[in-house]
Amino acid sequence: MAKKKKNLFERFANWATIATGSSAAFIIAISVIIVWGITGPIFRYSDTWQLIINTGTTIVTFLMVFLIQKSQNKDSKAIHLKLNELLASHQGASNRMVDIEDITEKELDQLHKFYVQLSALAEEEDDITCTHSIDAATENHATKLNILKTKPHYTNAHKVKSRKSNGTSRPG
């Protein structure tokens, strides 16, 4: 996937998120508070002295809310896409779960109840390995591999790999 040039705000948001989450940013913030505290007696703990720290922290907090939200939105979207890919590629997974984040809260509650019931049924099993065993996972893998071997992209990739390992790789 080609990297596209990010817009100015996205580049700034990425930089600011990394910078403000660093140890150096924390040390700077602590230093500002210490300097402010030390200057208290100099300014006789005046209203202006207190207003400076209140205003500064309020402005920084206000701006950070938007940067954090931007970063969380991007991370959340990436995680959802990765999970969608896993669901779509897994033979036994329900494709109805892809883009589940777009359904209503009521529908999510219904699905949650379903999985609670499913969990309760699994707990009733005398032998938990009957549905979650290494043997079942191995069998599932073998089934998926056999299906995969019938696909043209698999057989073509296998042929190319065989030619390369035999030293008979041809361009093209």
C-alpha atoms as a PDB file:
ATOM      1  CA  MET A   1       0.000   0.000   0.000  1.00  0.00           C
ATOM      2  CA  ALA A   2       1.508   3.318  -1.070  1.00  0.00           C
ATOM      3  CA  LYS A   3       2.008   5.945   1.606  1.00  0.00           C
ATOM      4  CA  LYS A   4      -0.028   9.050   0.867  1.00  0.00           C
ATOM      5  CA  LYS A   5       1.094  12.477   1.920  1.00  0.00           C
ATOM      6  CA  LYS A   6      -0.682  13.461   5.112  1.00  0.00           C
ATOM      7  CA  ASN A   7      -2.299  16.847   5.476  1.00  0.00           C
ATOM      8  CA  LEU A   8      -0.731  19.475   7.717  1.00  0.00           C
ATOM      9  CA  PHE A   9      -3.049  18.858  10.688  1.00  0.00           C
ATOM     10  CA  GLU A  10      -2.504  15.096  10.583  1.00  0.00           C
ATOM     11  CA  ARG A  11       1.273  15.518  10.465  1.00  0.00           C
ATOM     12  CA  PHE A  12       1.112  18.005  13.357  1.00  0.00           C
ATOM     13  CA  ALA A  13      -1.237  15.779  15.363  1.00  0.00           C
ATOM     14  CA  ASN A  14       1.055  12.769  14.918  1.00  0.00           C
ATOM     15  CA  TRP A  15       4.100  14.807  15.930  1.00  0.00           C
ATOM     16  CA  ALA A  16       2.326  16.413  18.899  1.00  0.00           C
ATOM     17  CA  THR A  17       0.994  13.065  20.134  1.00  0.00           C
ATOM     18  CA  ILE A  18       4.465  11.558  20.074  1.00  0.00           C
ATOM     19  CA  ALA A  19       6.079  14.649  21.601  1.00  0.00           C
ATOM     20  CA  THR A  20       3.570  15.138  24.413  1.00  0.00           C
ATOM     21  CA  GLY A  21       3.648  11.460  25.312  1.00  0.00           C
ATOM     22  CA  SER A  22       7.409  11.512  25.819  1.00  0.00           C
ATOM     23  CA  SER A  23       9.428  11.549  29.018  1.00  0.00           C
ATOM     24  CA  ALA A  24      10.864  14.914  28.020  1.00  0.00           C
ATOM     25  CA  ALA A  25       7.374  16.453  27.857  1.00  0.00           C
ATOM     26  CA  PHE A  26       6.583  15.129  31.320  1.00  0.00           C
ATOM     27  CA  ILE A  27       9.846  16.536  32.709  1.00  0.00           C
ATOM     28  CA  ILE A  28       9.130  19.916  31.093  1.00  0.00           C
ATOM     29  CA  ALA A  29       5.622  19.959  32.599  1.00  0.00           C
ATOM     30  CA  ILE A  30       6.946  19.107  36.061  1.00  0.00           C
ATOM     31  CA  SER A  31       9.668  21.762  35.662  1.00  0.00           C
ATOM     32  CA  VAL A  32       7.093  24.436  34.760  1.00  0.00           C
ATOM     33  CA  ILE A  33       5.050  23.574  37.853  1.00  0.00           C
ATOM     34  CA  ILE A  34       8.157  23.629  40.083  1.00  0.00           C
ATOM     35  CA  VAL A  35       9.265  27.008  38.674  1.00  0.00           C
ATOM     36  CA  TRP A  36       5.736  28.340  39.120  1.00  0.00           C
ATOM     37  CA  GLY A  37       5.664  27.071  42.720  1.00  0.00           C
ATOM     38  CA  ILE A  38       9.077  28.553  43.512  1.00  0.00           C
ATOM     39  CA  THR A  39       8.003  31.960  42.166  1.00  0.00           C
ATOM     40  CA  GLY A  40       4.962  32.010  44.470  1.00  0.00           C
ATOM     41  CA  PRO A  41       6.691  33.885  47.313  1.00  0.00           C
ATOM     42  CA  ILE A  42       8.252  36.312  44.827  1.00  0.00           C
ATOM     43  CA  PHE A  43       4.806  37.281  43.506  1.00  0.00           C
ATOM     44  CA  ARG A  44       3.229  36.978  46.978  1.00  0.00           C
ATOM     45  CA  TYR A  45       0.920  34.217  45.777  1.00  0.00           C
ATOM     46  CA  SER A  46      -1.142  36.853  43.998  1.00  0.00           C
ATOM     47  CA  ASP A  47      -4.275  36.253  41.966  1.00  0.00           C
ATOM     48  CA  THR A  48      -2.275  36.932  38.793  1.00  0.00           C
ATOM     49  CA  TRP A  49       0.337  34.347  39.805  1.00  0.00           C
ATOM     50  CA  GLN A  50      -2.437  31.759  40.293  1.00  0.00           C
ATOM     51  CA  LEU A  51      -4.192  32.826  37.096  1.00  0.00           C
ATOM     52  CA  ILE A  52      -1.050  32.152  35.050  1.00  0.00           C
ATOM     53  CA  ILE A  53      -0.931  28.436  35.922  1.00  0.00           C
ATOM     54  CA  ASN A  54      -4.714  28.051  35.718  1.00  0.00           C
ATOM     55  CA  THR A  55      -4.888  29.661  32.274  1.00  0.00           C
ATOM     56  CA  GLY A  56      -1.866  27.760  30.967  1.00  0.00           C
ATOM     57  CA  THR A  57      -3.076  24.363  32.104  1.00  0.00           C
ATOM     58  CA  THR A  58      -6.603  25.040  30.842  1.00  0.00           C
ATOM     59  CA  ILE A  59      -5.363  25.983  27.374  1.00  0.00           C
ATOM     60  CA  VAL A  60      -3.017  22.988  27.169  1.00  0.00           C
ATOM     61  CA  THR A  61      -5.775  20.627  28.375  1.00  0.00           C
ATOM     62  CA  PHE A  62      -8.289  22.053  25.913  1.00  0.00           C
ATOM     63  CA  LEU A  63      -5.929  21.597  22.954  1.00  0.00           C
ATOM     64  CA  MET A  64      -4.770  18.152  24.070  1.00  0.00           C
ATOM     65  CA  VAL A  65      -8.353  16.875  24.104  1.00  0.00           C
ATOM     66  CA  PHE A  66      -8.530  17.372  20.339  1.00  0.00           C
ATOM     67  CA  LEU A  67      -5.105  15.873  19.674  1.00  0.00           C
ATOM     68  CA  ILE A  68      -5.845  12.843  21.812  1.00  0.00           C
ATOM     69  CA  GLN A  69      -9.238  12.371  20.139  1.00  0.00           C
ATOM     70  CA  LYS A  70      -7.644  12.578  16.672  1.00  0.00           C
ATOM     71  CA  SER A  71      -5.047  10.001  17.650  1.00  0.00           C
ATOM     72  CA  GLN A  72      -7.629   7.679  19.231  1.00  0.00           C
ATOM     73  CA  ASN A  73      -9.918   7.930  16.206  1.00  0.00           C
ATOM     74  CA  LYS A  74      -7.092   6.935  13.877  1.00  0.00           C
ATOM     75  CA  ASP A  75      -5.924   4.085  16.135  1.00  0.00           C
ATOM     76  CA  SER A  76      -9.486   2.850  16.587  1.00  0.00           C
ATOM     77  CA  LYS A  77     -10.107   2.843  12.843  1.00  0.00           C
ATOM     78  CA  ALA A  78      -6.868   0.920  12.223  1.00  0.00           C
ATOM     79  CA  ILE A  79      -7.724  -1.661  14.882  1.00  0.00           C
ATOM     80  CA  HIS A  80     -11.234  -2.108  13.471  1.00  0.00           C
ATOM     81  CA  LEU A  81      -9.816  -2.635   9.989  1.00  0.00           C
ATOM     82  CA  LYS A  82      -7.333  -5.209  11.272  1.00  0.00           C
ATOM     83  CA  LEU A  83     -10.076  -7.043  13.148  1.00  0.00           C
ATOM     84  CA  ASN A  84     -12.328  -6.911  10.078  1.00  0.00           C
ATOM     85  CA  GLU A  85      -9.523  -8.468   8.037  1.00  0.00           C
ATOM     86  CA  LEU A  86      -9.110 -11.250  10.587  1.00  0.00           C
ATOM     87  CA  LEU A  87     -12.846 -11.920  10.641  1.00  0.00           C
ATOM     88  CA  ALA A  88     -13.123 -11.852   6.870  1.00  0.00           C
ATOM     89  CA  SER A  89     -10.160 -14.200   6.424  1.00  0.00           C
ATOM     90  CA  HIS A  90     -11.141 -16.743   9.086  1.00  0.00           C
ATOM     91  CA  GLN A  91     -13.251 -19.500   7.649  1.00  0.00           C
ATOM     92  CA  GLY A  92     -15.212 -20.174  10.824  1.00  0.00           C
ATOM     93  CA  ALA A  93     -15.850 -16.539  11.804  1.00  0.00           C
ATOM     94  CA  SER A  94     -19.155 -14.837  11.168  1.00  0.00           C
ATOM     95  CA  ASN A  95     -18.863 -12.113   8.535  1.00  0.00           C
ATOM     96  CA  ARG A  96     -21.760 -10.406  10.287  1.00  0.00           C
ATOM     97  CA  MET A  97     -19.200  -9.208  12.824  1.00  0.00           C
ATOM     98  CA  VAL A  98     -17.342  -7.132  10.195  1.00  0.00           C
ATOM     99  CA  ASP A  99     -18.077  -3.414  10.733  1.00  0.00           C
ATOM    100  CA  ILE A 100     -19.938  -4.241  13.929  1.00  0.00           C
ATOM    101  CA  GLU A 101     -18.933  -0.848  15.311  1.00  0.00           C
ATOM    102  CA  ASP A 102     -21.582   0.705  13.070  1.00  0.00           C
ATOM    103  CA  ILE A 103     -24.560  -1.041  14.702  1.00  0.00           C
ATOM    104  CA  THR A 104     -26.728   0.458  17.424  1.00  0.00           C
ATOM    105  CA  GLU A 105     -26.115   0.123  21.151  1.00  0.00           C
ATOM    106  CA  LYS A 106     -29.280  -2.014  21.423  1.00  0.00           C
ATOM    107  CA  GLU A 107     -27.974  -4.413  18.757  1.00  0.00           C
ATOM    108  CA  LEU A 108     -24.617  -4.604  20.552  1.00  0.00           C
ATOM    109  CA  ASP A 109     -26.447  -5.485  23.770  1.00  0.00           C
ATOM    110  CA  GLN A 110     -28.301  -8.296  21.956  1.00  0.00           C
ATOM    111  CA  LEU A 111     -25.023  -9.690  20.605  1.00  0.00           C
ATOM    112  CA  HIS A 112     -23.465  -9.445  24.047  1.00  0.00           C
ATOM    113  CA  LYS A 113     -26.329 -11.498  25.511  1.00  0.00           C
ATOM    114  CA  PHE A 114     -25.796 -14.094  22.783  1.00  0.00           C
ATOM    115  CA  TYR A 115     -22.098 -14.437  23.632  1.00  0.00           C
ATOM    116  CA  VAL A 116     -22.853 -14.597  27.356  1.00  0.00           C
ATOM    117  CA  GLN A 117     -25.193 -17.528  26.613  1.00  0.00           C
ATOM    118  CA  LEU A 118     -22.545 -19.124  24.391  1.00  0.00           C
ATOM    119  CA  SER A 119     -19.990 -18.776  27.187  1.00  0.00           C
ATOM    120  CA  ALA A 120     -22.395 -20.325  29.676  1.00  0.00           C
ATOM    121  CA  LEU A 121     -22.930 -23.284  27.356  1.00  0.00           C
ATOM    122  CA  ALA A 122     -19.170 -23.728  26.970  1.00  0.00           C
ATOM    123  CA  GLU A 123     -18.760 -23.746  30.768  1.00  0.00           C
ATOM    124  CA  GLU A 124     -21.315 -26.565  31.024  1.00  0.00           C
ATOM    125  CA  GLU A 125     -19.077 -28.849  28.948  1.00  0.00           C
ATOM    126  CA  ASP A 126     -17.531 -31.664  30.960  1.00  0.00           C
ATOM    127  CA  ASP A 127     -14.336 -31.458  28.919  1.00  0.00           C
ATOM    128  CA  ILE A 128     -13.325 -28.006  27.735  1.00  0.00           C
ATOM    129  CA  THR A 129     -10.856 -29.548  25.307  1.00  0.00           C
ATOM    130  CA  CYS A 130     -13.695 -30.933  23.204  1.00  0.00           C
ATOM    131  CA  THR A 131     -14.195 -27.499  21.621  1.00  0.00           C
ATOM    132  CA  HIS A 132     -10.888 -25.784  22.390  1.00  0.00           C
ATOM    133  CA  SER A 133      -8.271 -28.474  21.967  1.00  0.00           C
ATOM    134  CA  ILE A 134      -4.977 -28.472  20.122  1.00  0.00           C
ATOM    135  CA  ASP A 135      -6.354 -31.358  18.046  1.00  0.00           C
ATOM    136  CA  ALA A 136      -9.345 -29.245  16.991  1.00  0.00           C
ATOM    137  CA  ALA A 137      -7.042 -26.347  16.106  1.00  0.00           C
ATOM    138  CA  THR A 138      -4.780 -28.672  14.096  1.00  0.00           C
ATOM    139  CA  GLU A 139      -7.778 -30.123  12.280  1.00  0.00           C
ATOM    140  CA  ASN A 140      -9.118 -26.629  11.562  1.00  0.00           C
ATOM    141  CA  HIS A 141      -5.715 -25.596  10.198  1.00  0.00           C
ATOM    142  CA  ALA A 142      -5.507 -28.676   7.970  1.00  0.00           C
ATOM    143  CA  THR A 143      -8.996 -28.017   6.606  1.00  0.00           C
ATOM    144  CA  LYS A 144      -8.173 -24.398   5.834  1.00  0.00           C
ATOM    145  CA  LEU A 145      -4.856 -25.393   4.234  1.00  0.00           C
ATOM    146  CA  ASN A 146      -6.546 -27.974   2.001  1.00  0.00           C
ATOM    147  CA  ILE A 147      -9.038 -25.364   0.822  1.00  0.00           C
ATOM    148  CA  LEU A 148      -6.216 -22.851   0.335  1.00  0.00           C
ATOM    149  CA  LYS A 149      -4.241 -25.308  -1.793  1.00  0.00           C
ATOM    150  CA  THR A 150      -7.071 -25.318  -4.336  1.00  0.00           C
ATOM    151  CA  LYS A 151      -6.850 -21.552  -4.857  1.00  0.00           C
ATOM    152  CA  PRO A 152      -4.882 -20.264  -7.896  1.00  0.00           C
ATOM    153  CA  HIS A 153      -2.930 -17.680  -5.887  1.00  0.00           C
ATOM    154  CA  TYR A 154      -1.598 -20.420  -3.600  1.00  0.00           C
ATOM    155  CA  THR A 155      -0.570 -22.784  -6.390  1.00  0.00           C
ATOM    156  CA  ASN A 156       1.056 -19.951  -8.360  1.00  0.00           C
ATOM    157  CA  ALA A 157       3.006 -18.764  -5.305  1.00  0.00           C
ATOM    158  CA  HIS A 158       4.081 -22.337  -4.566  1.00  0.00           C
ATOM    159  CA  LYS A 159       5.356 -22.768  -8.146  1.00  0.00           C
ATOM    160  CA  VAL A 160       7.381 -19.533  -7.949  1.00  0.00           C
ATOM    161  CA  LYS A 161       8.835 -20.578  -4.577  1.00  0.00           C
ATOM    162  CA  SER A 162       9.818 -24.009  -5.987  1.00  0.00           C
ATOM    163  CA  ARG A 163      11.556 -22.414  -8.983  1.00  0.00           C
ATOM    164  CA  LYS A 164      13.503 -20.051  -6.714  1.00  0.00           C
ATOM    165  CA  SER A 165      14.606 -22.843  -4.376  1.00  0.00           C
ATOM    166  CA  ASN A 166      15.733 -24.947  -7.377  1.00  0.00           C
ATOM    167  CA  GLY A 167      17.649 -22.051  -8.878  1.00  0.00           C
ATOM    168  CA  THR A 168      15.463 -22.050 -11.984  1.00  0.00           C
ATOM    169  CA  SER A 169      13.759 -18.757 -11.303  1.00  0.00           C
ATOM    170  CA  ARG A 170      12.830 -16.952 -14.490  1.00  0.00           C
ATOM    171  CA  PRO A 171      11.960 -13.288 -14.717  1.00  0.00           C
ATOM    172  CA  GLY A 172       8.467 -12.413 -15.350  1.00  0.00           C
END
